Amino acid sequence: MIHLIVGKKGTGKTKMLVEQVNKAAATAKGSVICVEKGIKLTYDIKHTVRLVDTEEFDVSGFDMLYGFLCGIFAGNYDITDMFIDNVLRIGKTGLEDFAKFLDRLSAVKTIAGVNIVISVSADASELPESVRAYL
């Protein structure tokens, strides 16, 4: 299940994401993963959460992010929650490519029971119709 946290820069999306990450870490029966660009959340999330910095692996673009996430899922069968902070900074392209990324990610059968939360720095009215289904 994919959920989006949407809003313009400075609206508290990352704070909401951190709260959800820490809540999941306290209650999850499996692994909790947080993917971000850079290492700004290191001291905000619980130490039991696997924090993954996309810059460390030179992930850039939605196609590369998709493959990267699939690799994480392939190597960890006990993931219950995955959080992605500021996905548009990682994807580096427009909202149409983000919509295609969401379609591809939602089609992956092995993530059927995984709660995926993604923060998006954009106004909800700017999102393509296919993306709004995840709000």
C-alpha atoms as a PDB file:
ATOM      1  CA  MET A   1       0.000   0.000   0.000  1.00  0.00           C
ATOM      2  CA  ILE A   2       1.460   3.365  -1.054  1.00  0.00           C
ATOM      3  CA  HIS A   3       0.591   6.652   0.668  1.00  0.00           C
ATOM      4  CA  LEU A   4       1.822  10.144  -0.163  1.00  0.00           C
ATOM      5  CA  ILE A   5       2.568  13.078   2.129  1.00  0.00           C
ATOM      6  CA  VAL A   6       2.173  16.070  -0.168  1.00  0.00           C
ATOM      7  CA  GLY A   7       2.820  19.775   0.299  1.00  0.00           C
ATOM      8  CA  LYS A   8       5.011  22.653  -0.722  1.00  0.00           C
ATOM      9  CA  LYS A   9       8.451  23.148   0.813  1.00  0.00           C
ATOM     10  CA  GLY A  10       8.252  24.114   4.477  1.00  0.00           C
ATOM     11  CA  THR A  11       4.832  22.605   5.209  1.00  0.00           C
ATOM     12  CA  GLY A  12       6.109  19.963   7.661  1.00  0.00           C
ATOM     13  CA  LYS A  13       6.189  16.895   5.410  1.00  0.00           C
ATOM     14  CA  THR A  14       9.496  15.607   6.757  1.00  0.00           C
ATOM     15  CA  LYS A  15       8.345  16.102  10.354  1.00  0.00           C
ATOM     16  CA  MET A  16       5.217  14.062   9.615  1.00  0.00           C
ATOM     17  CA  LEU A  17       7.342  11.404   7.921  1.00  0.00           C
ATOM     18  CA  VAL A  18       9.722  11.190  10.911  1.00  0.00           C
ATOM     19  CA  GLU A  19       6.774  10.767  13.295  1.00  0.00           C
ATOM     20  CA  GLN A  20       5.395   7.942  11.158  1.00  0.00           C
ATOM     21  CA  VAL A  21       8.844   6.300  10.872  1.00  0.00           C
ATOM     22  CA  ASN A  22       9.321   6.312  14.642  1.00  0.00           C
ATOM     23  CA  LYS A  23       5.786   5.041  15.254  1.00  0.00           C
ATOM     24  CA  ALA A  24       6.365   2.199  12.791  1.00  0.00           C
ATOM     25  CA  ALA A  25       9.702   1.396  14.446  1.00  0.00           C
ATOM     26  CA  ALA A  26       7.960   1.049  17.807  1.00  0.00           C
ATOM     27  CA  THR A  27       5.213  -1.256  16.555  1.00  0.00           C
ATOM     28  CA  ALA A  28       6.535  -3.074  13.473  1.00  0.00           C
ATOM     29  CA  LYS A  29       7.094  -6.811  13.571  1.00  0.00           C
ATOM     30  CA  GLY A  30       9.576  -6.609  10.686  1.00  0.00           C
ATOM     31  CA  SER A  31      12.120  -4.226   9.212  1.00  0.00           C
ATOM     32  CA  VAL A  32      11.505  -0.509   8.804  1.00  0.00           C
ATOM     33  CA  ILE A  33      13.483   1.243   6.048  1.00  0.00           C
ATOM     34  CA  CYS A  34      13.853   4.985   5.490  1.00  0.00           C
ATOM     35  CA  VAL A  35      15.309   6.176   2.177  1.00  0.00           C
ATOM     36  CA  GLU A  36      16.531   9.749   1.818  1.00  0.00           C
ATOM     37  CA  LYS A  37      18.893  11.902  -0.228  1.00  0.00           C
ATOM     38  CA  GLY A  38      21.655  12.925   2.158  1.00  0.00           C
ATOM     39  CA  ILE A  39      21.898  12.066   5.847  1.00  0.00           C
ATOM     40  CA  LYS A  40      19.774  14.747   7.490  1.00  0.00           C
ATOM     41  CA  LEU A  41      17.472  12.333   9.383  1.00  0.00           C
ATOM     42  CA  THR A  42      20.243  10.439  11.190  1.00  0.00           C
ATOM     43  CA  TYR A  43      19.441  11.895  14.608  1.00  0.00           C
ATOM     44  CA  ASP A  44      15.665  12.166  14.132  1.00  0.00           C
ATOM     45  CA  ILE A  45      14.726   8.544  13.609  1.00  0.00           C
ATOM     46  CA  LYS A  46      15.118   5.598  15.950  1.00  0.00           C
ATOM     47  CA  HIS A  47      18.294   3.568  15.662  1.00  0.00           C
ATOM     48  CA  THR A  48      16.335   0.409  14.807  1.00  0.00           C
ATOM     49  CA  VAL A  49      15.283   1.905  11.461  1.00  0.00           C
ATOM     50  CA  ARG A  50      17.541   1.145   8.496  1.00  0.00           C
ATOM     51  CA  LEU A  51      18.438   4.566   7.098  1.00  0.00           C
ATOM     52  CA  VAL A  52      19.540   4.441   3.453  1.00  0.00           C
ATOM     53  CA  ASP A  53      21.227   7.426   1.805  1.00  0.00           C
ATOM     54  CA  THR A  54      20.704   7.396  -1.971  1.00  0.00           C
ATOM     55  CA  GLU A  55      23.749   9.635  -2.460  1.00  0.00           C
ATOM     56  CA  GLU A  56      25.953   6.906  -0.997  1.00  0.00           C
ATOM     57  CA  PHE A  57      24.870   4.632  -3.860  1.00  0.00           C
ATOM     58  CA  ASP A  58      24.733   7.389  -6.503  1.00  0.00           C
ATOM     59  CA  VAL A  59      21.002   6.855  -7.099  1.00  0.00           C
ATOM     60  CA  SER A  60      19.646   9.470  -9.473  1.00  0.00           C
ATOM     61  CA  GLY A  61      16.420   9.368 -11.463  1.00  0.00           C
ATOM     62  CA  PHE A  62      13.211   7.417 -11.042  1.00  0.00           C
ATOM     63  CA  ASP A  63      14.353   4.407 -13.060  1.00  0.00           C
ATOM     64  CA  MET A  64      17.421   4.011 -10.876  1.00  0.00           C
ATOM     65  CA  LEU A  65      15.370   4.577  -7.709  1.00  0.00           C
ATOM     66  CA  TYR A  66      12.905   1.894  -8.804  1.00  0.00           C
ATOM     67  CA  GLY A  67      15.709  -0.627  -9.339  1.00  0.00           C
ATOM     68  CA  PHE A  68      17.333   0.369  -6.052  1.00  0.00           C
ATOM     69  CA  LEU A  69      14.093  -0.161  -4.099  1.00  0.00           C
ATOM     70  CA  CYS A  70      13.449  -3.490  -5.818  1.00  0.00           C
ATOM     71  CA  GLY A  71      16.937  -4.566  -4.760  1.00  0.00           C
ATOM     72  CA  ILE A  72      16.164  -3.634  -1.169  1.00  0.00           C
ATOM     73  CA  PHE A  73      12.912  -5.616  -1.299  1.00  0.00           C
ATOM     74  CA  ALA A  74      14.634  -8.587  -2.931  1.00  0.00           C
ATOM     75  CA  GLY A  75      17.252  -8.748  -0.194  1.00  0.00           C
ATOM     76  CA  ASN A  76      14.902  -8.230   2.763  1.00  0.00           C
ATOM     77  CA  TYR A  77      11.753 -10.315   2.913  1.00  0.00           C
ATOM     78  CA  ASP A  78      10.709  -9.031   6.330  1.00  0.00           C
ATOM     79  CA  ILE A  79      10.168  -5.356   5.410  1.00  0.00           C
ATOM     80  CA  THR A  80       6.895  -4.094   6.841  1.00  0.00           C
ATOM     81  CA  ASP A  81       7.342  -0.348   6.319  1.00  0.00           C
ATOM     82  CA  MET A  82       9.315   1.782   3.878  1.00  0.00           C
ATOM     83  CA  PHE A  83       9.546   5.554   3.936  1.00  0.00           C
ATOM     84  CA  ILE A  84      10.995   7.749   1.194  1.00  0.00           C
ATOM     85  CA  ASP A  85      11.727  11.377   2.002  1.00  0.00           C
ATOM     86  CA  ASN A  86      11.488  14.027  -0.706  1.00  0.00           C
ATOM     87  CA  VAL A  87      11.253  11.671  -3.659  1.00  0.00           C
ATOM     88  CA  LEU A  88      11.386  14.438  -6.267  1.00  0.00           C
ATOM     89  CA  ARG A  89      14.929  15.379  -5.146  1.00  0.00           C
ATOM     90  CA  ILE A  90      15.976  11.781  -5.751  1.00  0.00           C
ATOM     91  CA  GLY A  91      14.047  11.369  -9.014  1.00  0.00           C
ATOM     92  CA  LYS A  92      15.219  14.715 -10.419  1.00  0.00           C
ATOM     93  CA  THR A  93      12.582  14.768 -13.151  1.00  0.00           C
ATOM     94  CA  GLY A  94       8.983  15.889 -13.398  1.00  0.00           C
ATOM     95  CA  LEU A  95       5.714  14.726 -11.968  1.00  0.00           C
ATOM     96  CA  GLU A  96       4.846  12.644 -15.045  1.00  0.00           C
ATOM     97  CA  ASP A  97       7.935  10.488 -14.459  1.00  0.00           C
ATOM     98  CA  PHE A  98       6.961  10.256 -10.792  1.00  0.00           C
ATOM     99  CA  ALA A  99       3.534   8.967 -11.853  1.00  0.00           C
ATOM    100  CA  LYS A 100       5.188   6.257 -13.978  1.00  0.00           C
ATOM    101  CA  PHE A 101       7.457   5.373 -11.045  1.00  0.00           C
ATOM    102  CA  LEU A 102       4.436   4.929  -8.739  1.00  0.00           C
ATOM    103  CA  ASP A 103       2.681   2.737 -11.312  1.00  0.00           C
ATOM    104  CA  ARG A 104       5.750   0.500 -11.633  1.00  0.00           C
ATOM    105  CA  LEU A 105       6.301   0.327  -7.881  1.00  0.00           C
ATOM    106  CA  SER A 106       2.672  -0.513  -7.121  1.00  0.00           C
ATOM    107  CA  ALA A 107       2.812  -3.380  -9.647  1.00  0.00           C
ATOM    108  CA  VAL A 108       5.602  -5.180  -7.747  1.00  0.00           C
ATOM    109  CA  LYS A 109       3.853  -8.201  -6.213  1.00  0.00           C
ATOM    110  CA  THR A 110       6.374  -8.800  -3.406  1.00  0.00           C
ATOM    111  CA  ILE A 111       5.519  -5.488  -1.754  1.00  0.00           C
ATOM    112  CA  ALA A 112       1.819  -6.243  -1.392  1.00  0.00           C
ATOM    113  CA  GLY A 113       1.944  -6.228   2.417  1.00  0.00           C
ATOM    114  CA  VAL A 114       4.430  -3.363   2.768  1.00  0.00           C
ATOM    115  CA  ASN A 115       3.317   0.071   3.947  1.00  0.00           C
ATOM    116  CA  ILE A 116       5.124   2.620   1.752  1.00  0.00           C
ATOM    117  CA  VAL A 117       4.993   6.313   2.636  1.00  0.00           C
ATOM    118  CA  ILE A 118       6.524   8.885   0.282  1.00  0.00           C
ATOM    119  CA  SER A 119       6.914  12.613   0.860  1.00  0.00           C
ATOM    120  CA  VAL A 120       6.463  14.804  -2.221  1.00  0.00           C
ATOM    121  CA  SER A 121       7.312  18.518  -2.376  1.00  0.00           C
ATOM    122  CA  ALA A 122       4.450  19.639  -4.574  1.00  0.00           C
ATOM    123  CA  ASP A 123       0.970  21.007  -4.136  1.00  0.00           C
ATOM    124  CA  ALA A 124      -1.748  18.373  -4.450  1.00  0.00           C
ATOM    125  CA  SER A 125      -3.368  20.366  -7.262  1.00  0.00           C
ATOM    126  CA  GLU A 126      -0.154  20.029  -9.335  1.00  0.00           C
ATOM    127  CA  LEU A 127      -0.147  16.236  -9.214  1.00  0.00           C
ATOM    128  CA  PRO A 128      -1.281  14.157 -12.190  1.00  0.00           C
ATOM    129  CA  GLU A 129      -4.595  12.399 -11.717  1.00  0.00           C
ATOM    130  CA  SER A 130      -2.931   8.968 -11.458  1.00  0.00           C
ATOM    131  CA  VAL A 131      -0.777  10.204  -8.548  1.00  0.00           C
ATOM    132  CA  ARG A 132      -3.743  11.657  -6.645  1.00  0.00           C
ATOM    133  CA  ALA A 133      -5.077   8.130  -6.178  1.00  0.00           C
ATOM    134  CA  TYR A 134      -2.313   7.601  -3.588  1.00  0.00           C
ATOM    135  CA  LEU A 135      -3.324  10.578  -1.418  1.00  0.00           C
END
